[in-house]
Amino acid sequence: MTWRENAIEKTRVYLENMVGLGYAANAAGENIPPRLIVDSTIDKIVEIAEETFPLARVMDESDIVLHAEGPGASHRLPSLGALNWLSLTVEKAIRHLSRAMFDLAGADGARLARVVDARLSGLAPGSIWMGVKIAAPPPDLLPEDGALVAELSSQISTLPSVVRFIGDEEIIPGIEEFSPDPAMRDVQLSTLLSFAPTGKKGIHTLELASKDAGSASLSQRERVVLRDAISKPVPRDLRRGKFTGFAREVDLDKTRIHLRNVPDVGTLRCIVPQLGTSHARQLLGGLVQVTGQYATDRAGRPRLIFVESIEPIHASQTELGI
């Protein structure tokens, strides 16, 4: 049953009760004015019309729904600063997730992220409820690229489920089974960190909800756990290795680089501690070699590496087979 169907059923119950009161009064020979019978239920009907139906539309028509709570998101008069923070945060997080997801799939993440069309699917009262939906891919995309953009909606909708693996002090180990690709799991946690409120705009809690994954909340506590998990991730069953590829998709805030065209691997997500701006500029777009410990997906393919050394490979070295 959809949220709208639930809202209709709730309305029907109140209307049937109202009609029942009228029948009972007539059967008892009581001359109760219809207005009094209507007045006994009208407040509930108005509440459903003003709050329940708008929220139902948002929930039914969105890939993900954000529910902000705090002094800046008051029930009737949320601040424009809080609303602006929420919309900018959602857009930034979706761009970050889409770039990384497309890149890890071997596509041109930067190009495809620019065609992602995130739409406001609705607002609802009750603090701030904001729905977001990814529009259909542009028709001029290649079929494989269009499929990736369409898949983005599914990836966004799973985020509430990932939130539930954030424990009081660390990420709960079961997340490896739920999200078995260590590179995509790292992207998901990084995206959730973008969503987690700092409290600066009067938003203390941000609830994420979707039709399939239910709801889960992020607060400053989860923000601390996520930041620690991203800065010091500790996947199990690490192996040591050395890989060569082209450095792309640099994220200085979270010290991540994607290594493209890695032989027998494809795209490898790299965690590079202490990655500075000048160093990143030297590496970006060039052929580099990374050494460190890496995690694999279920098929045994390297997906995420904790880099101990990263060095550019010059043309002369390539010619020499280095």
C-alpha atoms as a PDB file:
ATOM      1  CA  MET A   1       0.000   0.000   0.000  1.00  0.00           C
ATOM      2  CA  THR A   2       1.351   3.430  -0.931  1.00  0.00           C
ATOM      3  CA  TRP A   3       1.535   6.363   1.453  1.00  0.00           C
ATOM      4  CA  ARG A   4      -1.315   8.030  -0.474  1.00  0.00           C
ATOM      5  CA  GLU A   5      -3.480   4.931  -0.138  1.00  0.00           C
ATOM      6  CA  ASN A   6      -2.779   4.915   3.597  1.00  0.00           C
ATOM      7  CA  ALA A   7      -3.786   8.578   3.818  1.00  0.00           C
ATOM      8  CA  ILE A   8      -7.024   7.867   1.921  1.00  0.00           C
ATOM      9  CA  GLU A   9      -7.798   4.946   4.231  1.00  0.00           C
ATOM     10  CA  LYS A  10      -7.194   7.141   7.267  1.00  0.00           C
ATOM     11  CA  THR A  11      -9.551   9.777   5.830  1.00  0.00           C
ATOM     12  CA  ARG A  12     -12.165   7.132   5.101  1.00  0.00           C
ATOM     13  CA  VAL A  13     -12.120   5.960   8.738  1.00  0.00           C
ATOM     14  CA  TYR A  14     -12.861   9.450  10.042  1.00  0.00           C
ATOM     15  CA  LEU A  15     -15.572  10.035   7.448  1.00  0.00           C
ATOM     16  CA  GLU A  16     -17.226   6.700   8.263  1.00  0.00           C
ATOM     17  CA  ASN A  17     -17.152   7.554  11.968  1.00  0.00           C
ATOM     18  CA  MET A  18     -18.774  10.893  11.222  1.00  0.00           C
ATOM     19  CA  VAL A  19     -21.523   9.263   9.160  1.00  0.00           C
ATOM     20  CA  GLY A  20     -21.973   6.644  11.877  1.00  0.00           C
ATOM     21  CA  LEU A  21     -22.556   9.336  14.491  1.00  0.00           C
ATOM     22  CA  GLY A  22     -25.314  10.793  12.311  1.00  0.00           C
ATOM     23  CA  TYR A  23     -27.031   7.410  11.855  1.00  0.00           C
ATOM     24  CA  ALA A  24     -26.799   6.679  15.585  1.00  0.00           C
ATOM     25  CA  ALA A  25     -28.303  10.044  16.453  1.00  0.00           C
ATOM     26  CA  ASN A  26     -31.197   9.509  14.035  1.00  0.00           C
ATOM     27  CA  ALA A  27     -31.818   5.991  15.343  1.00  0.00           C
ATOM     28  CA  ALA A  28     -31.980   7.328  18.879  1.00  0.00           C
ATOM     29  CA  GLY A  29     -34.397  10.047  17.833  1.00  0.00           C
ATOM     30  CA  GLU A  30     -31.930  12.787  18.708  1.00  0.00           C
ATOM     31  CA  ASN A  31     -32.094  15.953  16.682  1.00  0.00           C
ATOM     32  CA  ILE A  32     -28.371  16.753  16.438  1.00  0.00           C
ATOM     33  CA  PRO A  33     -27.565  19.495  13.896  1.00  0.00           C
ATOM     34  CA  PRO A  34     -25.319  18.159  11.071  1.00  0.00           C
ATOM     35  CA  ARG A  35     -22.852  20.952  11.798  1.00  0.00           C
ATOM     36  CA  LEU A  36     -22.146  19.560  15.261  1.00  0.00           C
ATOM     37  CA  ILE A  37     -21.528  16.101  13.815  1.00  0.00           C
ATOM     38  CA  VAL A  38     -19.154  17.549  11.213  1.00  0.00           C
ATOM     39  CA  ASP A  39     -17.401  19.670  13.856  1.00  0.00           C
ATOM     40  CA  SER A  40     -16.584  16.518  15.827  1.00  0.00           C
ATOM     41  CA  THR A  41     -14.348  15.324  12.976  1.00  0.00           C
ATOM     42  CA  ILE A  42     -13.413  18.348  10.877  1.00  0.00           C
ATOM     43  CA  ASP A  43     -10.158  19.098  12.741  1.00  0.00           C
ATOM     44  CA  LYS A  44      -8.813  15.629  11.920  1.00  0.00           C
ATOM     45  CA  ILE A  45      -9.862  15.921   8.272  1.00  0.00           C
ATOM     46  CA  VAL A  46      -8.106  19.309   7.980  1.00  0.00           C
ATOM     47  CA  GLU A  47      -4.972  17.872   9.599  1.00  0.00           C
ATOM     48  CA  ILE A  48      -4.910  15.019   7.088  1.00  0.00           C
ATOM     49  CA  ALA A  49      -5.382  17.433   4.194  1.00  0.00           C
ATOM     50  CA  GLU A  50      -2.690  19.851   5.388  1.00  0.00           C
ATOM     51  CA  GLU A  51      -0.048  17.400   6.583  1.00  0.00           C
ATOM     52  CA  THR A  52      -0.702  13.750   5.762  1.00  0.00           C
ATOM     53  CA  PHE A  53      -1.466  14.069   2.048  1.00  0.00           C
ATOM     54  CA  PRO A  54       1.487  16.416   1.267  1.00  0.00           C
ATOM     55  CA  LEU A  55       3.874  14.049   3.076  1.00  0.00           C
ATOM     56  CA  ALA A  56       2.348  11.023   1.333  1.00  0.00           C
ATOM     57  CA  ARG A  57       2.987  12.612  -2.054  1.00  0.00           C
ATOM     58  CA  VAL A  58       6.609  13.348  -1.130  1.00  0.00           C
ATOM     59  CA  MET A  59       7.191   9.800   0.144  1.00  0.00           C
ATOM     60  CA  ASP A  60       5.561   8.108  -2.857  1.00  0.00           C
ATOM     61  CA  GLU A  61       7.257  10.191  -5.551  1.00  0.00           C
ATOM     62  CA  SER A  62      10.826  10.495  -4.213  1.00  0.00           C
ATOM     63  CA  ASP A  63      13.978   8.418  -4.442  1.00  0.00           C
ATOM     64  CA  ILE A  64      14.935   9.757  -1.026  1.00  0.00           C
ATOM     65  CA  VAL A  65      13.265  12.031   1.517  1.00  0.00           C
ATOM     66  CA  LEU A  66      15.121  14.254   3.978  1.00  0.00           C
ATOM     67  CA  HIS A  67      13.467  15.233   7.258  1.00  0.00           C
ATOM     68  CA  ALA A  68      15.333  17.983   9.101  1.00  0.00           C
ATOM     69  CA  GLU A  69      14.712  18.737  12.766  1.00  0.00           C
ATOM     70  CA  GLY A  70      16.056  21.428  15.054  1.00  0.00           C
ATOM     71  CA  PRO A  71      15.506  25.100  15.976  1.00  0.00           C
ATOM     72  CA  GLY A  72      16.072  26.153  12.366  1.00  0.00           C
ATOM     73  CA  ALA A  73      13.440  23.712  11.101  1.00  0.00           C
ATOM     74  CA  SER A  74      10.476  24.751  13.237  1.00  0.00           C
ATOM     75  CA  HIS A  75       7.119  23.193  12.410  1.00  0.00           C
ATOM     76  CA  ARG A  76       5.474  26.175  10.730  1.00  0.00           C
ATOM     77  CA  LEU A  77       8.264  28.657  10.062  1.00  0.00           C
ATOM     78  CA  PRO A  78      11.588  26.988   9.183  1.00  0.00           C
ATOM     79  CA  SER A  79      14.420  29.409   8.537  1.00  0.00           C
ATOM     80  CA  LEU A  80      15.484  30.075   4.962  1.00  0.00           C
ATOM     81  CA  GLY A  81      19.062  29.367   6.056  1.00  0.00           C
ATOM     82  CA  ALA A  82      18.100  25.853   7.161  1.00  0.00           C
ATOM     83  CA  LEU A  83      16.162  25.210   3.959  1.00  0.00           C
ATOM     84  CA  ASN A  84      19.039  26.519   1.863  1.00  0.00           C
ATOM     85  CA  TRP A  85      21.536  24.343   3.767  1.00  0.00           C
ATOM     86  CA  LEU A  86      19.389  21.279   3.179  1.00  0.00           C
ATOM     87  CA  SER A  87      18.984  21.820  -0.564  1.00  0.00           C
ATOM     88  CA  LEU A  88      22.682  22.590  -1.096  1.00  0.00           C
ATOM     89  CA  THR A  89      23.715  19.606   1.036  1.00  0.00           C
ATOM     90  CA  VAL A  90      21.472  17.233  -0.904  1.00  0.00           C
ATOM     91  CA  GLU A  91      22.726  18.474  -4.268  1.00  0.00           C
ATOM     92  CA  LYS A  92      26.372  18.265  -3.202  1.00  0.00           C
ATOM     93  CA  ALA A  93      25.943  14.762  -1.779  1.00  0.00           C
ATOM     94  CA  ILE A  94      24.172  13.468  -4.890  1.00  0.00           C
ATOM     95  CA  ARG A  95      26.868  14.916  -7.169  1.00  0.00           C
ATOM     96  CA  HIS A  96      29.568  13.343  -5.014  1.00  0.00           C
ATOM     97  CA  LEU A  97      27.839   9.950  -4.997  1.00  0.00           C
ATOM     98  CA  SER A  98      27.110   9.994  -8.716  1.00  0.00           C
ATOM     99  CA  ARG A  99      30.651  10.985  -9.767  1.00  0.00           C
ATOM    100  CA  ALA A 100      32.227   8.293  -7.633  1.00  0.00           C
ATOM    101  CA  MET A 101      29.692   5.610  -8.574  1.00  0.00           C
ATOM    102  CA  PHE A 102      30.009   6.250 -12.314  1.00  0.00           C
ATOM    103  CA  ASP A 103      33.779   6.405 -12.110  1.00  0.00           C
ATOM    104  CA  LEU A 104      34.006   3.117 -10.210  1.00  0.00           C
ATOM    105  CA  ALA A 105      31.864   1.545 -12.931  1.00  0.00           C
ATOM    106  CA  GLY A 106      34.496   2.544 -15.495  1.00  0.00           C
ATOM    107  CA  ALA A 107      32.507   5.434 -16.988  1.00  0.00           C
ATOM    108  CA  ASP A 108      33.406   9.123 -17.219  1.00  0.00           C
ATOM    109  CA  GLY A 109      32.161  10.110 -13.774  1.00  0.00           C
ATOM    110  CA  ALA A 110      32.738  13.844 -14.117  1.00  0.00           C
ATOM    111  CA  ARG A 111      30.851  14.022 -17.435  1.00  0.00           C
ATOM    112  CA  LEU A 112      27.939  11.826 -16.390  1.00  0.00           C
ATOM    113  CA  ALA A 113      27.509  13.590 -13.046  1.00  0.00           C
ATOM    114  CA  ARG A 114      26.844  16.806 -14.951  1.00  0.00           C
ATOM    115  CA  VAL A 115      23.808  15.277 -16.692  1.00  0.00           C
ATOM    116  CA  VAL A 116      22.258  13.936 -13.472  1.00  0.00           C
ATOM    117  CA  ASP A 117      19.001  15.849 -13.081  1.00  0.00           C
ATOM    118  CA  ALA A 118      18.046  15.893  -9.388  1.00  0.00           C
ATOM    119  CA  ARG A 119      14.540  17.301  -8.918  1.00  0.00           C
ATOM    120  CA  LEU A 120      12.624  18.552  -5.886  1.00  0.00           C
ATOM    121  CA  SER A 121       9.712  16.118  -5.740  1.00  0.00           C
ATOM    122  CA  GLY A 122       7.942  18.028  -2.974  1.00  0.00           C
ATOM    123  CA  LEU A 123       7.981  19.696   0.424  1.00  0.00           C
ATOM    124  CA  ALA A 124       5.788  18.814   3.390  1.00  0.00           C
ATOM    125  CA  PRO A 125       5.141  20.510   6.751  1.00  0.00           C
ATOM    126  CA  GLY A 126       6.285  19.096  10.064  1.00  0.00           C
ATOM    127  CA  SER A 127       9.802  20.508  10.551  1.00  0.00           C
ATOM    128  CA  ILE A 128      11.177  20.268   6.975  1.00  0.00           C
ATOM    129  CA  TRP A 129      10.365  17.311   4.729  1.00  0.00           C
ATOM    130  CA  MET A 130      12.102  17.481   1.341  1.00  0.00           C
ATOM    131  CA  GLY A 131      11.771  14.875  -1.375  1.00  0.00           C
ATOM    132  CA  VAL A 132      14.354  14.369  -4.131  1.00  0.00           C
ATOM    133  CA  LYS A 133      13.983  12.334  -7.306  1.00  0.00           C
ATOM    134  CA  ILE A 134      16.455  11.645 -10.108  1.00  0.00           C
ATOM    135  CA  ALA A 135      14.823  12.429 -13.436  1.00  0.00           C
ATOM    136  CA  ALA A 136      15.038   9.987 -16.351  1.00  0.00           C
ATOM    137  CA  PRO A 137      18.419   9.967 -18.155  1.00  0.00           C
ATOM    138  CA  PRO A 138      18.731  12.192 -21.247  1.00  0.00           C
ATOM    139  CA  PRO A 139      17.817  10.252 -24.412  1.00  0.00           C
ATOM    140  CA  ASP A 140      21.101  11.085 -26.131  1.00  0.00           C
ATOM    141  CA  LEU A 141      23.204   9.105 -23.626  1.00  0.00           C
ATOM    142  CA  LEU A 142      24.798   5.841 -24.638  1.00  0.00           C
ATOM    143  CA  PRO A 143      22.677   2.895 -23.431  1.00  0.00           C
ATOM    144  CA  GLU A 144      25.305   1.829 -20.892  1.00  0.00           C
ATOM    145  CA  ASP A 145      25.619   5.379 -19.537  1.00  0.00           C
ATOM    146  CA  GLY A 146      21.840   5.770 -19.393  1.00  0.00           C
ATOM    147  CA  ALA A 147      21.605   2.551 -17.394  1.00  0.00           C
ATOM    148  CA  LEU A 148      24.157   3.878 -14.897  1.00  0.00           C
ATOM    149  CA  VAL A 149      22.220   7.112 -14.397  1.00  0.00           C
ATOM    150  CA  ALA A 150      19.032   5.103 -13.880  1.00  0.00           C
ATOM    151  CA  GLU A 151      20.853   2.896 -11.348  1.00  0.00           C
ATOM    152  CA  LEU A 152      21.751   6.013  -9.342  1.00  0.00           C
ATOM    153  CA  SER A 153      18.173   6.216  -8.013  1.00  0.00           C
ATOM    154  CA  SER A 154      18.509   2.732  -6.533  1.00  0.00           C
ATOM    155  CA  GLN A 155      21.847   3.583  -4.953  1.00  0.00           C
ATOM    156  CA  ILE A 156      20.427   6.738  -3.363  1.00  0.00           C
ATOM    157  CA  SER A 157      17.381   4.854  -2.048  1.00  0.00           C
ATOM    158  CA  THR A 158      19.598   2.392  -0.130  1.00  0.00           C
ATOM    159  CA  LEU A 159      21.301   5.112   1.963  1.00  0.00           C
ATOM    160  CA  PRO A 160      18.867   4.854   4.930  1.00  0.00           C
ATOM    161  CA  SER A 161      19.809   1.172   5.245  1.00  0.00           C
ATOM    162  CA  VAL A 162      23.507   2.066   5.372  1.00  0.00           C
ATOM    163  CA  VAL A 163      22.843   4.573   8.185  1.00  0.00           C
ATOM    164  CA  ARG A 164      21.681   1.712  10.397  1.00  0.00           C
ATOM    165  CA  PHE A 165      25.214   0.295  10.424  1.00  0.00           C
ATOM    166  CA  ILE A 166      26.555   3.392  12.208  1.00  0.00           C
ATOM    167  CA  GLY A 167      27.063   2.311  15.810  1.00  0.00           C
ATOM    168  CA  ASP A 168      27.687   4.396  18.911  1.00  0.00           C
ATOM    169  CA  GLU A 169      31.457   4.388  18.418  1.00  0.00           C
ATOM    170  CA  GLU A 170      32.186   2.594  15.133  1.00  0.00           C
ATOM    171  CA  ILE A 171      30.688   1.131  11.985  1.00  0.00           C
ATOM    172  CA  ILE A 172      28.923  -2.165  12.725  1.00  0.00           C
ATOM    173  CA  PRO A 173      30.760  -5.086  11.022  1.00  0.00           C
ATOM    174  CA  GLY A 174      27.630  -6.400   9.250  1.00  0.00           C
ATOM    175  CA  ILE A 175      27.957  -3.592   6.723  1.00  0.00           C
ATOM    176  CA  GLU A 176      30.411  -5.750   4.722  1.00  0.00           C
ATOM    177  CA  GLU A 177      27.671  -8.267   3.990  1.00  0.00           C
ATOM    178  CA  PHE A 178      25.097  -5.587   3.155  1.00  0.00           C
ATOM    179  CA  SER A 179      27.471  -3.623   0.901  1.00  0.00           C
ATOM    180  CA  PRO A 180      30.144  -6.102  -0.253  1.00  0.00           C
ATOM    181  CA  ASP A 181      32.035  -3.775  -2.622  1.00  0.00           C
ATOM    182  CA  PRO A 182      34.578  -1.971  -0.366  1.00  0.00           C
ATOM    183  CA  ALA A 183      34.985   0.908  -2.826  1.00  0.00           C
ATOM    184  CA  MET A 184      31.243   1.584  -3.090  1.00  0.00           C
ATOM    185  CA  ARG A 185      30.881   1.156   0.655  1.00  0.00           C
ATOM    186  CA  ASP A 186      33.523   3.842   1.156  1.00  0.00           C
ATOM    187  CA  VAL A 187      31.559   6.118  -1.218  1.00  0.00           C
ATOM    188  CA  GLN A 188      28.321   5.476   0.698  1.00  0.00           C
ATOM    189  CA  LEU A 189      29.887   6.373   4.045  1.00  0.00           C
ATOM    190  CA  SER A 190      31.489   9.454   2.515  1.00  0.00           C
ATOM    191  CA  THR A 191      28.094  10.513   1.141  1.00  0.00           C
ATOM    192  CA  LEU A 192      26.439  10.058   4.532  1.00  0.00           C
ATOM    193  CA  LEU A 193      29.116  12.248   6.104  1.00  0.00           C
ATOM    194  CA  SER A 194      28.055  14.978   3.664  1.00  0.00           C
ATOM    195  CA  PHE A 195      24.480  14.593   4.907  1.00  0.00           C
ATOM    196  CA  ALA A 196      25.269  14.490   8.627  1.00  0.00           C
ATOM    197  CA  PRO A 197      24.382  17.902  10.158  1.00  0.00           C
ATOM    198  CA  THR A 198      26.895  20.030  12.041  1.00  0.00           C
ATOM    199  CA  GLY A 199      24.202  21.949  13.927  1.00  0.00           C
ATOM    200  CA  LYS A 200      25.414  25.293  12.591  1.00  0.00           C
ATOM    201  CA  LYS A 201      22.203  26.039  10.649  1.00  0.00           C
ATOM    202  CA  GLY A 202      19.831  25.066  13.442  1.00  0.00           C
ATOM    203  CA  ILE A 203      19.441  21.501  12.173  1.00  0.00           C
ATOM    204  CA  HIS A 204      20.406  18.902  14.750  1.00  0.00           C
ATOM    205  CA  THR A 205      19.001  15.766  13.135  1.00  0.00           C
ATOM    206  CA  LEU A 206      18.530  14.748   9.512  1.00  0.00           C
ATOM    207  CA  GLU A 207      16.350  11.724   8.865  1.00  0.00           C
ATOM    208  CA  LEU A 208      16.798   9.880   5.559  1.00  0.00           C
ATOM    209  CA  ALA A 209      13.860   7.859   4.254  1.00  0.00           C
ATOM    210  CA  SER A 210      12.885   5.913   1.138  1.00  0.00           C
ATOM    211  CA  LYS A 211      10.013   3.634   0.178  1.00  0.00           C
ATOM    212  CA  ASP A 212      12.106   0.460   0.192  1.00  0.00           C
ATOM    213  CA  ALA A 213      14.636   1.155   2.950  1.00  0.00           C
ATOM    214  CA  GLY A 214      12.495   2.813   5.616  1.00  0.00           C
ATOM    215  CA  SER A 215      14.077   5.612   7.611  1.00  0.00           C
ATOM    216  CA  ALA A 216      17.144   6.265   9.756  1.00  0.00           C
ATOM    217  CA  SER A 217      18.571   9.417  11.335  1.00  0.00           C
ATOM    218  CA  LEU A 218      21.895  11.216  11.259  1.00  0.00           C
ATOM    219  CA  SER A 219      23.035  13.578  14.006  1.00  0.00           C
ATOM    220  CA  GLN A 220      26.328  15.049  15.167  1.00  0.00           C
ATOM    221  CA  ARG A 221      27.056  11.741  16.947  1.00  0.00           C
ATOM    222  CA  GLU A 222      26.886   9.811  13.673  1.00  0.00           C
ATOM    223  CA  ARG A 223      28.974  12.532  12.059  1.00  0.00           C
ATOM    224  CA  VAL A 224      31.812  11.848  14.515  1.00  0.00           C
ATOM    225  CA  VAL A 225      31.639   8.087  13.869  1.00  0.00           C
ATOM    226  CA  LEU A 226      31.556   8.577  10.090  1.00  0.00           C
ATOM    227  CA  ARG A 227      34.474  11.005  10.074  1.00  0.00           C
ATOM    228  CA  ASP A 228      36.566   8.573  12.103  1.00  0.00           C
ATOM    229  CA  ALA A 229      35.562   5.622   9.884  1.00  0.00           C
ATOM    230  CA  ILE A 230      36.502   7.497   6.716  1.00  0.00           C
ATOM    231  CA  SER A 231      39.821   8.785   8.029  1.00  0.00           C
ATOM    232  CA  LYS A 232      40.835   5.393   9.486  1.00  0.00           C
ATOM    233  CA  PRO A 233      38.949   2.640   7.647  1.00  0.00           C
ATOM    234  CA  VAL A 234      39.873  -0.888   8.655  1.00  0.00           C
ATOM    235  CA  PRO A 235      38.446  -3.476   6.229  1.00  0.00           C
ATOM    236  CA  ARG A 236      39.194  -7.122   6.881  1.00  0.00           C
ATOM    237  CA  ASP A 237      41.292  -9.532   4.820  1.00  0.00           C
ATOM    238  CA  LEU A 238      43.672  -6.989   3.300  1.00  0.00           C
ATOM    239  CA  ARG A 239      46.302  -7.998   0.758  1.00  0.00           C
ATOM    240  CA  ARG A 240      49.456  -6.199  -0.305  1.00  0.00           C
ATOM    241  CA  GLY A 241      49.878  -5.070  -3.883  1.00  0.00           C
ATOM    242  CA  LYS A 242      51.154  -2.566  -6.435  1.00  0.00           C
ATOM    243  CA  PHE A 243      49.012  -1.034  -9.204  1.00  0.00           C
ATOM    244  CA  THR A 244      49.485   1.341 -12.110  1.00  0.00           C
ATOM    245  CA  GLY A 245      46.848   3.569 -13.656  1.00  0.00           C
ATOM    246  CA  PHE A 246      45.769   7.121 -14.415  1.00  0.00           C
ATOM    247  CA  ALA A 247      44.920   9.375 -11.441  1.00  0.00           C
ATOM    248  CA  ARG A 248      41.407  10.792 -11.734  1.00  0.00           C
ATOM    249  CA  GLU A 249      38.521  11.982  -9.542  1.00  0.00           C
ATOM    250  CA  VAL A 250      40.510  13.595  -6.711  1.00  0.00           C
ATOM    251  CA  ASP A 251      38.624  14.375  -3.488  1.00  0.00           C
ATOM    252  CA  LEU A 252      40.989  16.361  -1.285  1.00  0.00           C
ATOM    253  CA  ASP A 253      38.522  16.654   1.607  1.00  0.00           C
ATOM    254  CA  LYS A 254      38.422  12.895   2.022  1.00  0.00           C
ATOM    255  CA  THR A 255      41.885  12.118   0.577  1.00  0.00           C
ATOM    256  CA  ARG A 256      40.531   9.887  -2.188  1.00  0.00           C
ATOM    257  CA  ILE A 257      41.815   9.324  -5.729  1.00  0.00           C
ATOM    258  CA  HIS A 258      40.437   7.019  -8.401  1.00  0.00           C
ATOM    259  CA  LEU A 259      43.028   5.118 -10.417  1.00  0.00           C
ATOM    260  CA  ARG A 260      41.606   4.463 -13.894  1.00  0.00           C
ATOM    261  CA  ASN A 261      42.587   1.856 -16.508  1.00  0.00           C
ATOM    262  CA  VAL A 262      44.341  -0.390 -13.997  1.00  0.00           C
ATOM    263  CA  PRO A 263      45.238  -3.646 -15.836  1.00  0.00           C
ATOM    264  CA  ASP A 264      42.887  -6.512 -14.919  1.00  0.00           C
ATOM    265  CA  VAL A 265      41.114  -4.253 -12.394  1.00  0.00           C
ATOM    266  CA  GLY A 266      39.486  -1.294 -14.111  1.00  0.00           C
ATOM    267  CA  THR A 267      39.023   1.523 -11.590  1.00  0.00           C
ATOM    268  CA  LEU A 268      40.611   1.341  -8.149  1.00  0.00           C
ATOM    269  CA  ARG A 269      39.583   3.685  -5.328  1.00  0.00           C
ATOM    270  CA  CYS A 270      42.633   4.899  -3.410  1.00  0.00           C
ATOM    271  CA  ILE A 271      42.819   6.255   0.131  1.00  0.00           C
ATOM    272  CA  VAL A 272      45.849   8.538   0.255  1.00  0.00           C
ATOM    273  CA  PRO A 273      46.508   9.983   3.736  1.00  0.00           C
ATOM    274  CA  GLN A 274      48.021  13.466   3.871  1.00  0.00           C
ATOM    275  CA  LEU A 275      47.128  14.205   0.248  1.00  0.00           C
ATOM    276  CA  GLY A 276      47.980  17.865  -0.319  1.00  0.00           C
ATOM    277  CA  THR A 277      46.745  20.180  -3.051  1.00  0.00           C
ATOM    278  CA  SER A 278      50.115  20.601  -4.770  1.00  0.00           C
ATOM    279  CA  HIS A 279      50.794  16.853  -4.715  1.00  0.00           C
ATOM    280  CA  ALA A 280      47.334  16.125  -6.110  1.00  0.00           C
ATOM    281  CA  ARG A 281      47.889  18.580  -8.973  1.00  0.00           C
ATOM    282  CA  GLN A 282      51.106  16.789  -9.909  1.00  0.00           C
ATOM    283  CA  LEU A 283      49.323  13.444 -10.014  1.00  0.00           C
ATOM    284  CA  LEU A 284      45.978  14.337 -11.579  1.00  0.00           C
ATOM    285  CA  GLY A 285      45.581  13.045 -15.132  1.00  0.00           C
ATOM    286  CA  GLY A 286      48.957  11.350 -15.161  1.00  0.00           C
ATOM    287  CA  LEU A 287      50.109   7.754 -14.976  1.00  0.00           C
ATOM    288  CA  VAL A 288      50.953   6.793 -11.387  1.00  0.00           C
ATOM    289  CA  GLN A 289      51.950   3.760  -9.389  1.00  0.00           C
ATOM    290  CA  VAL A 290      50.473   3.038  -5.963  1.00  0.00           C
ATOM    291  CA  THR A 291      51.651   0.553  -3.364  1.00  0.00           C
ATOM    292  CA  GLY A 292      49.749  -0.530  -0.267  1.00  0.00           C
ATOM    293  CA  GLN A 293      47.173  -2.869   1.197  1.00  0.00           C
ATOM    294  CA  TYR A 294      43.963  -3.441  -0.718  1.00  0.00           C
ATOM    295  CA  ALA A 295      40.489  -4.889  -0.186  1.00  0.00           C
ATOM    296  CA  THR A 296      38.584  -6.916  -2.772  1.00  0.00           C
ATOM    297  CA  ASP A 297      34.956  -7.492  -3.690  1.00  0.00           C
ATOM    298  CA  ARG A 298      33.323 -10.923  -3.521  1.00  0.00           C
ATOM    299  CA  ALA A 299      34.795 -11.841  -6.891  1.00  0.00           C
ATOM    300  CA  GLY A 300      38.323 -11.174  -5.595  1.00  0.00           C
ATOM    301  CA  ARG A 301      38.789  -8.017  -7.693  1.00  0.00           C
ATOM    302  CA  PRO A 302      40.840  -5.227  -6.028  1.00  0.00           C
ATOM    303  CA  ARG A 303      38.511  -2.282  -5.323  1.00  0.00           C
ATOM    304  CA  LEU A 304      39.948  -0.175  -2.475  1.00  0.00           C
ATOM    305  CA  ILE A 305      43.611   0.364  -1.592  1.00  0.00           C
ATOM    306  CA  PHE A 306      45.193   2.028   1.431  1.00  0.00           C
ATOM    307  CA  VAL A 307      48.094   3.744  -0.235  1.00  0.00           C
ATOM    308  CA  GLU A 308      51.515   3.703   1.415  1.00  0.00           C
ATOM    309  CA  SER A 309      53.321   5.270  -1.545  1.00  0.00           C
ATOM    310  CA  ILE A 310      52.132   6.967  -4.727  1.00  0.00           C
ATOM    311  CA  GLU A 311      54.526   8.137  -7.420  1.00  0.00           C
ATOM    312  CA  PRO A 312      54.125   9.531 -10.944  1.00  0.00           C
ATOM    313  CA  ILE A 313      55.425   7.392 -13.800  1.00  0.00           C
ATOM    314  CA  HIS A 314      57.175   9.410 -16.494  1.00  0.00           C
ATOM    315  CA  ALA A 315      57.296   8.529 -20.174  1.00  0.00           C
ATOM    316  CA  SER A 316      60.926   7.462 -19.956  1.00  0.00           C
ATOM    317  CA  GLN A 317      60.115   5.004 -17.167  1.00  0.00           C
ATOM    318  CA  THR A 318      57.251   3.540 -19.175  1.00  0.00           C
ATOM    319  CA  GLU A 319      59.519   2.989 -22.160  1.00  0.00           C
ATOM    320  CA  LEU A 320      61.977   1.185 -19.892  1.00  0.00           C
ATOM    321  CA  GLY A 321      59.210  -1.008 -18.494  1.00  0.00           C
ATOM    322  CA  ILE A 322      59.388   0.493 -14.998  1.00  0.00           C
END
